PDB file of N, CA and C in Angstrom:
ATOM      1  N   LYS A   1     -28.962 124.237 121.205  1.00  0.00           N
ATOM      2  CA  LYS A   1     -27.685 124.520 120.598  1.00  0.00           C
ATOM      3  C   LYS A   1     -26.746 123.345 120.826  1.00  0.00           C
ATOM      4  N   ARG A   2     -25.880 123.155 119.880  1.00  0.00           N
ATOM      5  CA  ARG A   2     -24.952 122.029 119.921  1.00  0.00           C
ATOM      6  C   ARG A   2     -24.070 122.037 121.170  1.00  0.00           C
ATOM      7  N   GLU A   3     -23.566 123.217 121.549  1.00  0.00           N
ATOM      8  CA  GLU A   3     -22.676 123.275 122.718  1.00  0.00           C
ATOM      9  C   GLU A   3     -23.405 122.894 124.007  1.00  0.00           C
ATOM     10  N   PHE A   4     -24.700 123.188 124.090  1.00  0.00           N
ATOM     11  CA  PHE A   4     -25.466 122.791 125.268  1.00  0.00           C
ATOM     12  C   PHE A   4     -25.613 121.276 125.317  1.00  0.00           C
ATOM     13  N   LYS A   5     -25.900 120.679 124.167  1.00  0.00           N
ATOM     14  CA  LYS A   5     -26.026 119.225 124.107  1.00  0.00           C
ATOM     15  C   LYS A   5     -24.730 118.549 124.519  1.00  0.00           C
ATOM     16  N   GLU A   6     -23.613 119.070 124.015  1.00  0.00           N
ATOM     17  CA  GLU A   6     -22.310 118.501 124.355  1.00  0.00           C
ATOM     18  C   GLU A   6     -22.043 118.604 125.850  1.00  0.00           C
ATOM     19  N   GLU A   7     -22.404 119.714 126.437  1.00  0.00           N
ATOM     20  CA  GLU A   7     -22.206 119.913 127.881  1.00  0.00           C
ATOM     21  C   GLU A   7     -23.071 118.944 128.683  1.00  0.00           C
ATOM     22  N   ILE A   8     -24.307 118.760 128.265  1.00  0.00           N
ATOM     23  CA  ILE A   8     -25.210 117.825 128.941  1.00  0.00           C
ATOM     24  C   ILE A   8     -24.641 116.414 128.865  1.00  0.00           C
ATOM     25  N   LEU A   9     -24.202 116.011 127.685  1.00  0.00           N
ATOM     26  CA  LEU A   9     -23.615 114.679 127.508  1.00  0.00           C
ATOM     27  C   LEU A   9     -22.358 114.505 128.349  1.00  0.00           C
ATOM     28  N   LYS A  10     -21.562 115.535 128.420  1.00  0.00           N
ATOM     29  CA  LYS A  10     -20.310 115.500 129.186  1.00  0.00           C
ATOM     30  C   LYS A  10     -20.569 115.143 130.653  1.00  0.00           C
ATOM     31  N   PHE A  11     -21.690 115.605 131.177  1.00  0.00           N
ATOM     32  CA  PHE A  11     -22.028 115.342 132.574  1.00  0.00           C
ATOM     33  C   PHE A  11     -22.938 114.124 132.748  1.00  0.00           C
ATOM     34  N   GLY A  12     -23.096 113.337 131.693  1.00  0.00           N
ATOM     35  CA  GLY A  12     -23.865 112.102 131.797  1.00  0.00           C
ATOM     36  C   GLY A  12     -25.354 112.257 131.603  1.00  0.00           C
ATOM     37  N   GLY A  13     -25.786 113.427 131.144  1.00  0.00           N
ATOM     38  CA  GLY A  13     -27.203 113.659 130.917  1.00  0.00           C
ATOM     39  C   GLY A  13     -27.643 113.171 129.550  1.00  0.00           C
ATOM     40  N   LYS A  14     -28.935 113.188 129.341  1.00  0.00           N
ATOM     41  CA  LYS A  14     -29.522 112.780 128.068  1.00  0.00           C
ATOM     42  C   LYS A  14     -30.314 113.962 127.508  1.00  0.00           C
ATOM     43  N   PRO A  15     -29.748 114.663 126.510  1.00  0.00           N
ATOM     44  CA  PRO A  15     -30.487 115.802 125.955  1.00  0.00           C
ATOM     45  C   PRO A  15     -31.719 115.336 125.180  1.00  0.00           C
ATOM     46  N   LEU A  16     -32.815 116.024 125.384  1.00  0.00           N
ATOM     47  CA  LEU A  16     -34.058 115.727 124.668  1.00  0.00           C
ATOM     48  C   LEU A  16     -34.412 116.945 123.839  1.00  0.00           C
ATOM     49  N   ASP A  17     -34.625 116.736 122.548  1.00  0.00           N
ATOM     50  CA  ASP A  17     -35.027 117.866 121.718  1.00  0.00           C
ATOM     51  C   ASP A  17     -36.248 117.499 120.900  1.00  0.00           C
ATOM     52  N   LYS A  18     -36.813 118.499 120.276  1.00  0.00           N
ATOM     53  CA  LYS A  18     -38.067 118.360 119.524  1.00  0.00           C
ATOM     54  C   LYS A  18     -39.153 117.776 120.426  1.00  0.00           C
ATOM     55  N   THR A  19     -39.230 118.323 121.626  1.00  0.00           N
ATOM     56  CA  THR A  19     -40.195 117.824 122.594  1.00  0.00           C
ATOM     57  C   THR A  19     -41.527 118.550 122.468  1.00  0.00           C
ATOM     58  N   HIS A  20     -42.515 117.985 123.105  1.00  0.00           N
ATOM     59  CA  HIS A  20     -43.847 118.591 123.155  1.00  0.00           C
ATOM     60  C   HIS A  20     -43.949 119.432 124.429  1.00  0.00           C
ATOM     61  N   LEU A  21     -44.957 120.246 124.525  1.00  0.00           N
ATOM     62  CA  LEU A  21     -45.229 121.021 125.737  1.00  0.00           C
ATOM     63  C   LEU A  21     -46.583 120.561 126.273  1.00  0.00           C
ATOM     64  N   PRO A  22     -46.587 119.552 127.132  1.00  0.00           N
ATOM     65  CA  PRO A  22     -47.852 118.940 127.543  1.00  0.00           C
ATOM     66  C   PRO A  22     -48.831 119.877 128.234  1.00  0.00           C
ATOM     67  N   LEU A  23     -48.348 120.873 128.936  1.00  0.00           N
ATOM     68  CA  LEU A  23     -49.263 121.783 129.628  1.00  0.00           C
ATOM     69  C   LEU A  23     -49.802 122.879 128.723  1.00  0.00           C
ATOM     70  N   HIS A  24     -49.403 122.857 127.454  1.00  0.00           N
ATOM     71  CA  HIS A  24     -49.921 123.816 126.482  1.00  0.00           C
ATOM     72  C   HIS A  24     -50.880 123.144 125.499  1.00  0.00           C
ATOM     73  N   ALA A  25     -51.180 121.884 125.739  1.00  0.00           N
ATOM     74  CA  ALA A  25     -52.123 121.156 124.891  1.00  0.00           C
ATOM     75  C   ALA A  25     -53.547 121.630 125.188  1.00  0.00           C
ATOM     76  N   ARG A  26     -54.431 121.372 124.261  1.00  0.00           N
ATOM     77  CA  ARG A  26     -55.838 121.746 124.419  1.00  0.00           C
ATOM     78  C   ARG A  26     -56.403 121.122 125.701  1.00  0.00           C
ATOM     79  N   GLY A  27     -57.129 121.921 126.455  1.00  0.00           N
ATOM     80  CA  GLY A  27     -57.764 121.438 127.672  1.00  0.00           C
ATOM     81  C   GLY A  27     -56.887 121.499 128.914  1.00  0.00           C
ATOM     82  N   MET A  28     -55.649 121.960 128.770  1.00  0.00           N
ATOM     83  CA  MET A  28     -54.727 121.995 129.907  1.00  0.00           C
ATOM     84  C   MET A  28     -54.583 123.396 130.503  1.00  0.00           C
ATOM     85  N   ASP A  29     -55.359 124.369 130.016  1.00  0.00           N
ATOM     86  CA  ASP A  29     -55.212 125.759 130.460  1.00  0.00           C
ATOM     87  C   ASP A  29     -55.357 125.918 131.974  1.00  0.00           C
ATOM     88  N   ALA A  30     -56.388 125.339 132.557  1.00  0.00           N
ATOM     89  CA  ALA A  30     -56.625 125.506 133.992  1.00  0.00           C
ATOM     90  C   ALA A  30     -55.502 124.879 134.811  1.00  0.00           C
ATOM     91  N   ILE A  31     -55.031 123.732 134.376  1.00  0.00           N
ATOM     92  CA  ILE A  31     -53.935 123.061 135.083  1.00  0.00           C
ATOM     93  C   ILE A  31     -52.675 123.908 134.992  1.00  0.00           C
ATOM     94  N   ARG A  32     -52.352 124.345 133.778  1.00  0.00           N
ATOM     95  CA  ARG A  32     -51.154 125.171 133.564  1.00  0.00           C
ATOM     96  C   ARG A  32     -51.225 126.450 134.397  1.00  0.00           C
ATOM     97  N   ASN A  33     -52.367 127.116 134.371  1.00  0.00           N
ATOM     98  CA  ASN A  33     -52.516 128.363 135.119  1.00  0.00           C
ATOM     99  C   ASN A  33     -52.439 128.140 136.629  1.00  0.00           C
ATOM    100  N   SER A  34     -52.887 126.991 137.085  1.00  0.00           N
ATOM    101  CA  SER A  34     -52.752 126.662 138.511  1.00  0.00           C
ATOM    102  C   SER A  34     -51.285 126.544 138.895  1.00  0.00           C
ATOM    103  N   PHE A  35     -50.496 125.888 138.062  1.00  0.00           N
ATOM    104  CA  PHE A  35     -49.062 125.768 138.344  1.00  0.00           C
ATOM    105  C   PHE A  35     -48.376 127.134 138.290  1.00  0.00           C
ATOM    106  N   TYR A  36     -48.828 127.999 137.398  1.00  0.00           N
ATOM    107  CA  TYR A  36     -48.253 129.349 137.298  1.00  0.00           C
ATOM    108  C   TYR A  36     -48.425 130.145 138.594  1.00  0.00           C
ATOM    109  N   THR A  37     -49.443 129.835 139.396  1.00  0.00           N
ATOM    110  CA  THR A  37     -49.634 130.585 140.640  1.00  0.00           C
ATOM    111  C   THR A  37     -48.443 130.424 141.579  1.00  0.00           C
ATOM    112  N   LEU A  38     -47.665 129.385 141.372  1.00  0.00           N
ATOM    113  CA  LEU A  38     -46.455 129.164 142.170  1.00  0.00           C
ATOM    114  C   LEU A  38     -45.213 129.672 141.453  1.00  0.00           C
ATOM    115  N   GLY A  39     -45.408 130.295 140.284  1.00  0.00           N
ATOM    116  CA  GLY A  39     -44.305 130.904 139.546  1.00  0.00           C
ATOM    117  C   GLY A  39     -43.994 130.196 138.240  1.00  0.00           C
ATOM    118  N   GLN A  40     -43.367 130.931 137.340  1.00  0.00           N
ATOM    119  CA  GLN A  40     -42.965 130.407 136.032  1.00  0.00           C
ATOM    120  C   GLN A  40     -42.084 129.172 136.191  1.00  0.00           C
ATOM    121  N   GLY A  41     -41.109 129.257 137.076  1.00  0.00           N
ATOM    122  CA  GLY A  41     -40.178 128.145 137.271  1.00  0.00           C
ATOM    123  C   GLY A  41     -40.873 126.886 137.751  1.00  0.00           C
ATOM    124  N   PHE A  42     -41.882 127.031 138.608  1.00  0.00           N
ATOM    125  CA  PHE A  42     -42.611 125.868 139.116  1.00  0.00           C
ATOM    126  C   PHE A  42     -43.332 125.158 137.978  1.00  0.00           C
ATOM    127  N   LYS A  43     -44.017 125.933 137.136  1.00  0.00           N
ATOM    128  CA  LYS A  43     -44.719 125.339 135.989  1.00  0.00           C
ATOM    129  C   LYS A  43     -43.740 124.611 135.090  1.00  0.00           C
ATOM    130  N   VAL A  44     -42.587 125.215 134.847  1.00  0.00           N
ATOM    131  CA  VAL A  44     -41.585 124.596 133.972  1.00  0.00           C
ATOM    132  C   VAL A  44     -41.012 123.335 134.619  1.00  0.00           C
ATOM    133  N   CYS A  45     -40.789 123.347 135.922  1.00  0.00           N
ATOM    134  CA  CYS A  45     -40.316 122.135 136.602  1.00  0.00           C
ATOM    135  C   CYS A  45     -41.283 120.972 136.363  1.00  0.00           C
ATOM    136  N   ILE A  46     -42.572 121.234 136.531  1.00  0.00           N
ATOM    137  CA  ILE A  46     -43.579 120.194 136.309  1.00  0.00           C
ATOM    138  C   ILE A  46     -43.521 119.720 134.865  1.00  0.00           C
ATOM    139  N   GLU A  47     -43.456 120.657 133.945  1.00  0.00           N
ATOM    140  CA  GLU A  47     -43.450 120.312 132.527  1.00  0.00           C
ATOM    141  C   GLU A  47     -42.215 119.493 132.152  1.00  0.00           C
ATOM    142  N   VAL A  48     -41.069 119.823 132.728  1.00  0.00           N
ATOM    143  CA  VAL A  48     -39.842 119.072 132.449  1.00  0.00           C
ATOM    144  C   VAL A  48     -39.994 117.621 132.905  1.00  0.00           C
ATOM    145  N   VAL A  49     -40.575 117.418 134.079  1.00  0.00           N
ATOM    146  CA  VAL A  49     -40.794 116.055 134.575  1.00  0.00           C
ATOM    147  C   VAL A  49     -41.743 115.300 133.643  1.00  0.00           C
ATOM    148  N   LEU A  50     -42.820 115.952 133.218  1.00  0.00           N
ATOM    149  CA  LEU A  50     -43.785 115.301 132.326  1.00  0.00           C
ATOM    150  C   LEU A  50     -43.160 114.957 130.976  1.00  0.00           C
ATOM    151  N   ILE A  51     -42.426 115.891 130.395  1.00  0.00           N
ATOM    152  CA  ILE A  51     -41.791 115.658 129.095  1.00  0.00           C
ATOM    153  C   ILE A  51     -40.807 114.498 129.184  1.00  0.00           C
ATOM    154  N   ALA A  52     -39.926 114.538 130.176  1.00  0.00           N
ATOM    155  CA  ALA A  52     -38.919 113.482 130.320  1.00  0.00           C
ATOM    156  C   ALA A  52     -39.580 112.129 130.583  1.00  0.00           C
ATOM    157  N   SER A  53     -40.668 112.123 131.341  1.00  0.00           N
ATOM    158  CA  SER A  53     -41.393 110.875 131.597  1.00  0.00           C
ATOM    159  C   SER A  53     -42.057 110.362 130.324  1.00  0.00           C
ATOM    160  N   ASP A  54     -42.728 111.260 129.603  1.00  0.00           N
ATOM    161  CA  ASP A  54     -43.406 110.867 128.361  1.00  0.00           C
ATOM    162  C   ASP A  54     -42.433 110.297 127.337  1.00  0.00           C
ATOM    163  N   LEU A  55     -41.202 110.805 127.311  1.00  0.00           N
ATOM    164  CA  LEU A  55     -40.205 110.358 126.329  1.00  0.00           C
ATOM    165  C   LEU A  55     -39.359 109.189 126.821  1.00  0.00           C
ATOM    166  N   GLY A  56     -39.678 108.674 128.001  1.00  0.00           N
ATOM    167  CA  GLY A  56     -38.973 107.497 128.508  1.00  0.00           C
ATOM    168  C   GLY A  56     -37.612 107.768 129.117  1.00  0.00           C
ATOM    169  N   ALA A  57     -37.316 109.023 129.410  1.00  0.00           N
ATOM    170  CA  ALA A  57     -36.011 109.365 129.987  1.00  0.00           C
ATOM    171  C   ALA A  57     -35.979 109.180 131.505  1.00  0.00           C
ATOM    172  N   LEU A  58     -37.140 109.039 132.130  1.00  0.00           N
ATOM    173  CA  LEU A  58     -37.211 108.832 133.576  1.00  0.00           C
ATOM    174  C   LEU A  58     -37.921 107.526 133.878  1.00  0.00           C
ATOM    175  N   ASN A  59     -37.620 106.960 135.016  1.00  0.00           N
ATOM    176  CA  ASN A  59     -38.337 105.777 135.489  1.00  0.00           C
ATOM    177  C   ASN A  59     -39.604 106.249 136.192  1.00  0.00           C
ATOM    178  N   ILE A  60     -40.743 105.844 135.667  1.00  0.00           N
ATOM    179  CA  ILE A  60     -42.028 106.265 136.213  1.00  0.00           C
ATOM    180  C   ILE A  60     -42.129 105.830 137.675  1.00  0.00           C
ATOM    181  N   GLY A  61     -42.587 106.751 138.514  1.00  0.00           N
ATOM    182  CA  GLY A  61     -42.746 106.473 139.931  1.00  0.00           C
ATOM    183  C   GLY A  61     -41.528 106.806 140.771  1.00  0.00           C
ATOM    184  N   GLU A  62     -40.408 107.070 140.108  1.00  0.00           N
ATOM    185  CA  GLU A  62     -39.171 107.381 140.824  1.00  0.00           C
ATOM    186  C   GLU A  62     -39.140 108.863 141.195  1.00  0.00           C
ATOM    187  N   ASP A  63     -38.570 109.176 142.354  1.00  0.00           N
ATOM    188  CA  ASP A  63     -38.407 110.578 142.739  1.00  0.00           C
ATOM    189  C   ASP A  63     -37.303 111.214 141.911  1.00  0.00           C
ATOM    190  N   VAL A  64     -37.574 112.401 141.391  1.00  0.00           N
ATOM    191  CA  VAL A  64     -36.601 113.139 140.579  1.00  0.00           C
ATOM    192  C   VAL A  64     -36.562 114.589 141.049  1.00  0.00           C
ATOM    193  N   ILE A  65     -35.461 115.253 140.755  1.00  0.00           N
ATOM    194  CA  ILE A  65     -35.336 116.680 141.043  1.00  0.00           C
ATOM    195  C   ILE A  65     -35.445 117.434 139.728  1.00  0.00           C
ATOM    196  N   ALA A  66     -36.290 118.448 139.696  1.00  0.00           N
ATOM    197  CA  ALA A  66     -36.423 119.309 138.519  1.00  0.00           C
ATOM    198  C   ALA A  66     -36.037 120.727 138.924  1.00  0.00           C
ATOM    199  N   VAL A  67     -35.286 121.387 138.049  1.00  0.00           N
ATOM    200  CA  VAL A  67     -34.818 122.751 138.292  1.00  0.00           C
ATOM    201  C   VAL A  67     -35.200 123.603 137.086  1.00  0.00           C
ATOM    202  N   ALA A  68     -35.734 124.788 137.333  1.00  0.00           N
ATOM    203  CA  ALA A  68     -36.129 125.682 136.238  1.00  0.00           C
ATOM    204  C   ALA A  68     -36.112 127.116 136.743  1.00  0.00           C
ATOM    205  N   GLY A  69     -36.469 128.033 135.861  1.00  0.00           N
ATOM    206  CA  GLY A  69     -36.499 129.436 136.244  1.00  0.00           C
ATOM    207  C   GLY A  69     -36.920 130.316 135.098  1.00  0.00           C
ATOM    208  N   THR A  70     -36.218 131.411 134.959  1.00  0.00           N
ATOM    209  CA  THR A  70     -36.536 132.400 133.939  1.00  0.00           C
ATOM    210  C   THR A  70     -35.303 132.620 133.073  1.00  0.00           C
ATOM    211  N   ASP A  71     -35.381 133.610 132.196  1.00  0.00           N
ATOM    212  CA  ASP A  71     -34.221 133.941 131.368  1.00  0.00           C
ATOM    213  C   ASP A  71     -33.071 134.494 132.209  1.00  0.00           C
ATOM    214  N   ARG A  72     -33.336 134.782 133.455  1.00  0.00           N
ATOM    215  CA  ARG A  72     -32.293 135.295 134.363  1.00  0.00           C
ATOM    216  C   ARG A  72     -31.589 134.180 135.132  1.00  0.00           C
ATOM    217  N   GLY A  73     -32.073 132.958 134.999  1.00  0.00           N
ATOM    218  CA  GLY A  73     -31.436 131.832 135.676  1.00  0.00           C
ATOM    219  C   GLY A  73     -32.431 130.984 136.449  1.00  0.00           C
ATOM    220  N   SER A  74     -31.939 129.897 136.980  1.00  0.00           N
ATOM    221  CA  SER A  74     -32.779 128.980 137.749  1.00  0.00           C
ATOM    222  C   SER A  74     -33.135 129.593 139.093  1.00  0.00           C
ATOM    223  N   ASP A  75     -34.403 129.452 139.472  1.00  0.00           N
ATOM    224  CA  ASP A  75     -34.833 129.968 140.766  1.00  0.00           C
ATOM    225  C   ASP A  75     -35.789 129.028 141.491  1.00  0.00           C
ATOM    226  N   THR A  76     -36.098 127.903 140.861  1.00  0.00           N
ATOM    227  CA  THR A  76     -37.059 126.970 141.426  1.00  0.00           C
ATOM    228  C   THR A  76     -36.517 125.553 141.309  1.00  0.00           C
ATOM    229  N   ALA A  77     -36.699 124.769 142.373  1.00  0.00           N
ATOM    230  CA  ALA A  77     -36.305 123.358 142.355  1.00  0.00           C
ATOM    231  C   ALA A  77     -37.329 122.564 143.157  1.00  0.00           C
ATOM    232  N   ILE A  78     -37.719 121.419 142.615  1.00  0.00           N
ATOM    233  CA  ILE A  78     -38.695 120.565 143.294  1.00  0.00           C
ATOM    234  C   ILE A  78     -38.233 119.111 143.257  1.00  0.00           C
ATOM    235  N   VAL A  79     -38.796 118.329 144.159  1.00  0.00           N
ATOM    236  CA  VAL A  79     -38.698 116.875 144.089  1.00  0.00           C
ATOM    237  C   VAL A  79     -40.094 116.405 143.706  1.00  0.00           C
ATOM    238  N   ALA A  80     -40.188 115.620 142.640  1.00  0.00           N
ATOM    239  CA  ALA A  80     -41.484 115.128 142.177  1.00  0.00           C
ATOM    240  C   ALA A  80     -41.370 113.659 141.810  1.00  0.00           C
ATOM    241  N   LYS A  81     -42.502 112.992 141.822  1.00  0.00           N
ATOM    242  CA  LYS A  81     -42.555 111.609 141.373  1.00  0.00           C
ATOM    243  C   LYS A  81     -42.722 111.634 139.859  1.00  0.00           C
ATOM    244  N   ALA A  82     -41.834 110.945 139.141  1.00  0.00           N
ATOM    245  CA  ALA A  82     -41.917 110.906 137.675  1.00  0.00           C
ATOM    246  C   ALA A  82     -43.271 110.330 137.254  1.00  0.00           C
ATOM    247  N   CYS A  83     -43.905 111.025 136.317  1.00  0.00           N
ATOM    248  CA  CYS A  83     -45.272 110.691 135.915  1.00  0.00           C
ATOM    249  C   CYS A  83     -45.482 111.105 134.464  1.00  0.00           C
ATOM    250  N   LYS A  84     -46.194 110.288 133.709  1.00  0.00           N
ATOM    251  CA  LYS A  84     -46.547 110.661 132.337  1.00  0.00           C
ATOM    252  C   LYS A  84     -47.695 111.671 132.365  1.00  0.00           C
ATOM    253  N   THR A  85     -47.755 112.495 131.340  1.00  0.00           N
ATOM    254  CA  THR A  85     -48.813 113.501 131.252  1.00  0.00           C
ATOM    255  C   THR A  85     -50.195 112.863 131.353  1.00  0.00           C
ATOM    256  N   SER A  86     -50.374 111.734 130.709  1.00  0.00           N
ATOM    257  CA  SER A  86     -51.684 111.072 130.706  1.00  0.00           C
ATOM    258  C   SER A  86     -52.096 110.564 132.086  1.00  0.00           C
ATOM    259  N   ASP A  87     -51.159 110.505 133.024  1.00  0.00           N
ATOM    260  CA  ASP A  87     -51.459 109.981 134.359  1.00  0.00           C
ATOM    261  C   ASP A  87     -51.495 111.043 135.455  1.00  0.00           C
ATOM    262  N   ILE A  88     -51.454 112.329 135.086  1.00  0.00           N
ATOM    263  CA  ILE A  88     -51.443 113.385 136.109  1.00  0.00           C
ATOM    264  C   ILE A  88     -52.565 113.168 137.125  1.00  0.00           C
ATOM    265  N   PHE A  89     -53.755 112.865 136.657  1.00  0.00           N
ATOM    266  CA  PHE A  89     -54.908 112.667 137.535  1.00  0.00           C
ATOM    267  C   PHE A  89     -55.456 111.247 137.419  1.00  0.00           C
ATOM    268  N   SER A  90     -54.581 110.280 137.254  1.00  0.00           N
ATOM    269  CA  SER A  90     -54.978 108.884 137.076  1.00  0.00           C
ATOM    270  C   SER A  90     -55.853 108.398 138.232  1.00  0.00           C
ATOM    271  N   ARG A  91     -56.768 107.492 137.918  1.00  0.00           N
ATOM    272  CA  ARG A  91     -57.565 106.865 138.978  1.00  0.00           C
ATOM    273  C   ARG A  91     -56.675 106.012 139.872  1.00  0.00           C
ATOM    274  N   ASP A  92     -55.596 105.498 139.270  1.00  0.00           N
ATOM    275  CA  ASP A  92     -54.604 104.733 140.023  1.00  0.00           C
ATOM    276  C   ASP A  92     -53.695 105.736 140.734  1.00  0.00           C
ATOM    277  N   LYS A  93     -53.888 105.886 142.023  1.00  0.00           N
ATOM    278  CA  LYS A  93     -53.156 106.904 142.784  1.00  0.00           C
ATOM    279  C   LYS A  93     -51.649 106.718 142.722  1.00  0.00           C
ATOM    280  N   SER A  94     -51.185 105.506 142.495  1.00  0.00           N
ATOM    281  CA  SER A  94     -49.738 105.263 142.435  1.00  0.00           C
ATOM    282  C   SER A  94     -49.107 105.841 141.170  1.00  0.00           C
ATOM    283  N   LYS A  95     -49.925 106.180 140.167  1.00  0.00           N
ATOM    284  CA  LYS A  95     -49.417 106.731 138.905  1.00  0.00           C
ATOM    285  C   LYS A  95     -49.500 108.255 138.838  1.00  0.00           C
ATOM    286  N   ARG A  96     -50.226 108.870 139.737  1.00  0.00           N
ATOM    287  CA  ARG A  96     -50.470 110.316 139.688  1.00  0.00           C
ATOM    288  C   ARG A  96     -49.205 111.143 139.895  1.00  0.00           C
ATOM    289  N   LEU A  97     -49.258 112.362 139.367  1.00  0.00           N
ATOM    290  CA  LEU A  97     -48.208 113.337 139.637  1.00  0.00           C
ATOM    291  C   LEU A  97     -48.236 113.675 141.121  1.00  0.00           C
ATOM    292  N   GLU A  98     -47.064 113.690 141.722  1.00  0.00           N
ATOM    293  CA  GLU A  98     -46.969 114.064 143.129  1.00  0.00           C
ATOM    294  C   GLU A  98     -45.759 114.965 143.323  1.00  0.00           C
ATOM    295  N   ILE A  99     -46.008 116.143 143.861  1.00  0.00           N
ATOM    296  CA  ILE A  99     -44.915 117.048 144.218  1.00  0.00           C
ATOM    297  C   ILE A  99     -44.526 116.668 145.636  1.00  0.00           C
ATOM    298  N   ARG A 100     -43.348 116.116 145.787  1.00  0.00           N
ATOM    299  CA  ARG A 100     -42.920 115.615 147.098  1.00  0.00           C
ATOM    300  C   ARG A 100     -42.331 116.725 147.968  1.00  0.00           C
ATOM    301  N   GLU A 101     -41.653 117.672 147.328  1.00  0.00           N
ATOM    302  CA  GLU A 101     -41.009 118.724 148.106  1.00  0.00           C
ATOM    303  C   GLU A 101     -40.685 119.911 147.204  1.00  0.00           C
ATOM    304  N   ILE A 102     -40.825 121.098 147.736  1.00  0.00           N
ATOM    305  CA  ILE A 102     -40.355 122.303 147.054  1.00  0.00           C
ATOM    306  C   ILE A 102     -39.040 122.679 147.718  1.00  0.00           C
ATOM    307  N   LEU A 103     -37.957 122.567 146.960  1.00  0.00           N
ATOM    308  CA  LEU A 103     -36.623 122.838 147.492  1.00  0.00           C
ATOM    309  C   LEU A 103     -36.295 124.325 147.457  1.00  0.00           C
ATOM    310  N   ALA A 104     -36.727 125.002 146.401  1.00  0.00           N
ATOM    311  CA  ALA A 104     -36.469 126.438 146.248  1.00  0.00           C
ATOM    312  C   ALA A 104     -37.561 127.043 145.381  1.00  0.00           C
ATOM    313  N   MET A 105     -37.981 128.248 145.763  1.00  0.00           N
ATOM    314  CA  MET A 105     -38.996 128.959 144.999  1.00  0.00           C
ATOM    315  C   MET A 105     -38.883 130.436 145.363  1.00  0.00           C
ATOM    316  N   PRO A 106     -38.897 131.325 144.376  1.00  0.00           N
ATOM    317  CA  PRO A 106     -38.742 132.750 144.689  1.00  0.00           C
ATOM    318  C   PRO A 106     -39.966 133.323 145.404  1.00  0.00           C
ATOM    319  N   LEU A 107     -39.711 134.261 146.287  1.00  0.00           N
ATOM    320  CA  LEU A 107     -40.816 134.953 146.950  1.00  0.00           C
ATOM    321  C   LEU A 107     -41.547 135.858 145.973  1.00  0.00           C
ATOM    322  N   LYS A 108     -40.795 136.542 145.119  1.00  0.00           N
ATOM    323  CA  LYS A 108     -41.383 137.422 144.111  1.00  0.00           C
ATOM    324  C   LYS A 108     -41.451 136.645 142.800  1.00  0.00           C
ATOM    325  N   LYS A 109     -42.650 136.442 142.310  1.00  0.00           N
ATOM    326  CA  LYS A 109     -42.866 135.633 141.112  1.00  0.00           C
ATOM    327  C   LYS A 109     -42.750 136.470 139.843  1.00  0.00           C
ATOM    328  N   MET A 110     -42.336 135.808 138.773  1.00  0.00           N
ATOM    329  CA  MET A 110     -42.305 136.412 137.436  1.00  0.00           C
ATOM    330  C   MET A 110     -43.544 135.918 136.691  1.00  0.00           C
ATOM    331  N   TRP A 111     -44.248 136.798 136.028  1.00  0.00           N
ATOM    332  CA  TRP A 111     -45.465 136.424 135.301  1.00  0.00           C
ATOM    333  C   TRP A 111     -45.325 136.753 133.824  1.00  0.00           C
ATOM    334  N   TRP A 112     -45.841 135.866 132.980  1.00  0.00           N
ATOM    335  CA  TRP A 112     -45.838 136.103 131.535  1.00  0.00           C
ATOM    336  C   TRP A 112     -47.226 135.979 131.007  1.00  0.00           C
TER     337      TRP A 112
END
């Protein structure tokens, strides 16, 4: 929505739209379902980092904070190393996805 974009810009953010969902691509089911074991918000946090990295909005290799949740609000926050989807399991360990810290995660998970 336009008002959300304006709010993001107001705070110095870069809104990204018409994005892909990398964990919903063919062959990603097991990976996506593994992230879901830590909750909906955790999977979305990972996906947000991948999308922003793939679109060039993040500096690859830099630590970033991702926040996500459900339709009821944010409930999960992580620190992760920015990584492109194609490098999640790269042979080059310096390019791989790395979850550095879980800052917040609900005890009771929401499942879809």
